[in-house]
Amino acid sequence: MRALVRPYAPLCAPIFGSMTTHPVAHDPGHSSEPLTGFSRRYLGILSKLQAFEELPALQVAAAQARTIARNTLSLFRHAVLEHHVDEEGELFPAVLRSARRGPEAEEVQPWCNA
């Protein structure tokens, strides 16, 4: 198993931590150290793999985000654009016609030429 894991150790190190044997592991006076290190690495791997459990919920959220984005773009392409065209074609000229000559008309004029 060590031969299979070893070539990938540099790629996995940022995720799973060091896959090397602890230097004390070869000392007979420290017999529990290799098991403790192995157990810690095993728990680290499991905790990283448990993140996969969150993927289904993220998939639902991503689908909702895509739907909201699509609906928002549609809103702007249709309703907001039509509203703006109506303002430019009907509302702004009506406001300009009803504005009193002088400062009020001068203030409204730029809106009608935009």
Protein backbone atom coordinates (compact mmCIF):
# COMPACT_ATOMS: atom_id res chain seq x y z
CA MET A 1 0.00 0.00 0.00
CA ARG A 2 2.86 2.37 0.75
CA ALA A 3 4.11 2.10 -2.84
CA LEU A 4 0.72 3.15 -4.18
CA VAL A 5 0.32 6.10 -1.83
CA ARG A 6 3.86 7.41 -2.09
CA PRO A 7 3.82 8.77 -5.69
CA TYR A 8 0.75 10.84 -4.90
CA ALA A 9 1.95 12.09 -1.51
CA PRO A 10 3.22 15.47 -2.83
CA LEU A 11 -0.16 16.14 -4.45
CA CYS A 12 -2.16 15.11 -1.40
CA ALA A 13 0.01 16.72 1.27
CA PRO A 14 -1.86 20.05 1.29
CA ILE A 15 -5.14 18.18 1.81
CA PHE A 16 -4.24 15.20 3.98
CA GLY A 17 -1.02 16.30 5.63
CA SER A 18 2.28 14.48 5.54
CA MET A 19 2.08 10.81 4.54
CA THR A 20 5.59 9.99 5.77
CA THR A 21 6.37 7.83 8.78
CA HIS A 22 7.23 9.66 11.97
CA PRO A 23 11.00 9.45 12.73
CA VAL A 24 10.33 7.93 16.16
CA ALA A 25 8.36 5.08 14.56
CA HIS A 26 11.50 2.97 14.22
CA ASP A 27 12.42 3.34 17.92
CA PRO A 28 11.14 0.30 19.86
CA GLY A 29 10.74 2.48 22.96
CA HIS A 30 7.97 4.48 21.24
CA SER A 31 5.71 1.70 20.02
CA SER A 32 2.43 3.67 20.18
CA GLU A 33 3.71 6.61 18.13
CA PRO A 34 3.22 5.05 14.66
CA LEU A 35 -0.36 4.06 15.49
CA THR A 36 -1.15 7.47 16.90
CA GLY A 37 0.26 9.19 13.81
CA PHE A 38 -1.58 6.79 11.54
CA SER A 39 -4.83 7.34 13.43
CA ARG A 40 -4.46 11.12 13.19
CA ARG A 41 -3.82 10.93 9.44
CA TYR A 42 -6.77 8.56 9.03
CA LEU A 43 -9.07 10.94 10.92
CA GLY A 44 -7.78 13.84 8.82
CA ILE A 45 -8.58 11.95 5.63
CA LEU A 46 -12.04 11.05 6.89
CA SER A 47 -12.82 14.61 7.91
CA LYS A 48 -11.83 15.86 4.45
CA LEU A 49 -13.91 13.16 2.76
CA GLN A 50 -16.93 14.05 4.92
CA ALA A 51 -17.08 17.34 3.04
CA PHE A 52 -18.52 15.32 0.13
CA GLU A 53 -21.70 14.95 2.19
CA GLU A 54 -22.35 18.64 1.60
CA LEU A 55 -22.35 18.33 -2.20
CA PRO A 56 -26.06 17.45 -2.62
CA ALA A 57 -27.12 20.53 -0.65
CA LEU A 58 -24.70 22.68 -2.64
CA GLN A 59 -26.11 21.27 -5.87
CA VAL A 60 -29.60 22.38 -4.84
CA ALA A 61 -28.30 25.84 -3.88
CA ALA A 62 -26.38 26.14 -7.17
CA ALA A 63 -29.50 25.22 -9.16
CA GLN A 64 -31.49 27.84 -7.23
CA ALA A 65 -28.81 30.45 -7.89
CA ARG A 66 -28.87 29.68 -11.63
CA THR A 67 -32.67 29.96 -11.70
CA ILE A 68 -32.62 33.28 -9.81
CA ALA A 69 -29.91 34.65 -12.12
CA ARG A 70 -31.83 33.54 -15.24
CA ASN A 71 -35.05 35.10 -13.93
CA THR A 72 -33.28 38.35 -13.02
CA LEU A 73 -31.73 38.63 -16.48
CA SER A 74 -35.14 37.99 -18.03
CA LEU A 75 -36.65 40.68 -15.81
CA PHE A 76 -34.11 43.24 -17.00
CA ARG A 77 -34.34 42.20 -20.66
CA HIS A 78 -38.10 42.43 -20.73
CA ALA A 79 -39.94 44.22 -17.92
CA VAL A 80 -37.27 46.77 -16.97
CA LEU A 81 -36.36 47.55 -20.59
CA GLU A 82 -40.04 47.95 -21.56
CA HIS A 83 -40.60 50.15 -18.53
CA HIS A 84 -37.67 52.35 -19.48
CA VAL A 85 -38.88 52.63 -23.11
CA ASP A 86 -42.33 53.64 -21.82
CA GLU A 87 -40.75 56.29 -19.59
CA GLU A 88 -38.73 57.75 -22.45
CA GLY A 89 -41.62 57.66 -24.91
CA GLU A 90 -44.54 58.72 -22.75
CA LEU A 91 -43.72 59.83 -19.23
CA PHE A 92 -40.70 62.08 -19.79
CA PRO A 93 -42.32 64.05 -22.66
CA ALA A 94 -45.48 64.48 -20.55
CA VAL A 95 -43.40 65.77 -17.64
CA LEU A 96 -41.56 68.15 -19.98
CA ARG A 97 -44.86 69.46 -21.44
CA SER A 98 -46.26 70.09 -17.97
CA ALA A 99 -43.11 71.71 -16.60
CA ARG A 100 -43.20 75.47 -16.10
CA ARG A 101 -40.87 77.46 -18.30
CA GLY A 102 -37.63 78.40 -16.67
CA PRO A 103 -35.71 76.42 -14.01
CA GLU A 104 -38.28 73.60 -13.79
CA ALA A 105 -38.22 72.93 -17.55
CA GLU A 106 -34.42 73.22 -17.58
CA GLU A 107 -34.20 70.64 -14.82
CA VAL A 108 -36.52 68.19 -16.63
CA GLN A 109 -34.99 68.64 -20.10
CA PRO A 110 -31.86 66.44 -19.57
CA TRP A 111 -34.10 63.53 -18.52
CA CYS A 112 -35.97 63.73 -21.78
CA ASN A 113 -32.84 63.78 -23.94
CA ALA A 114 -31.04 60.90 -22.20
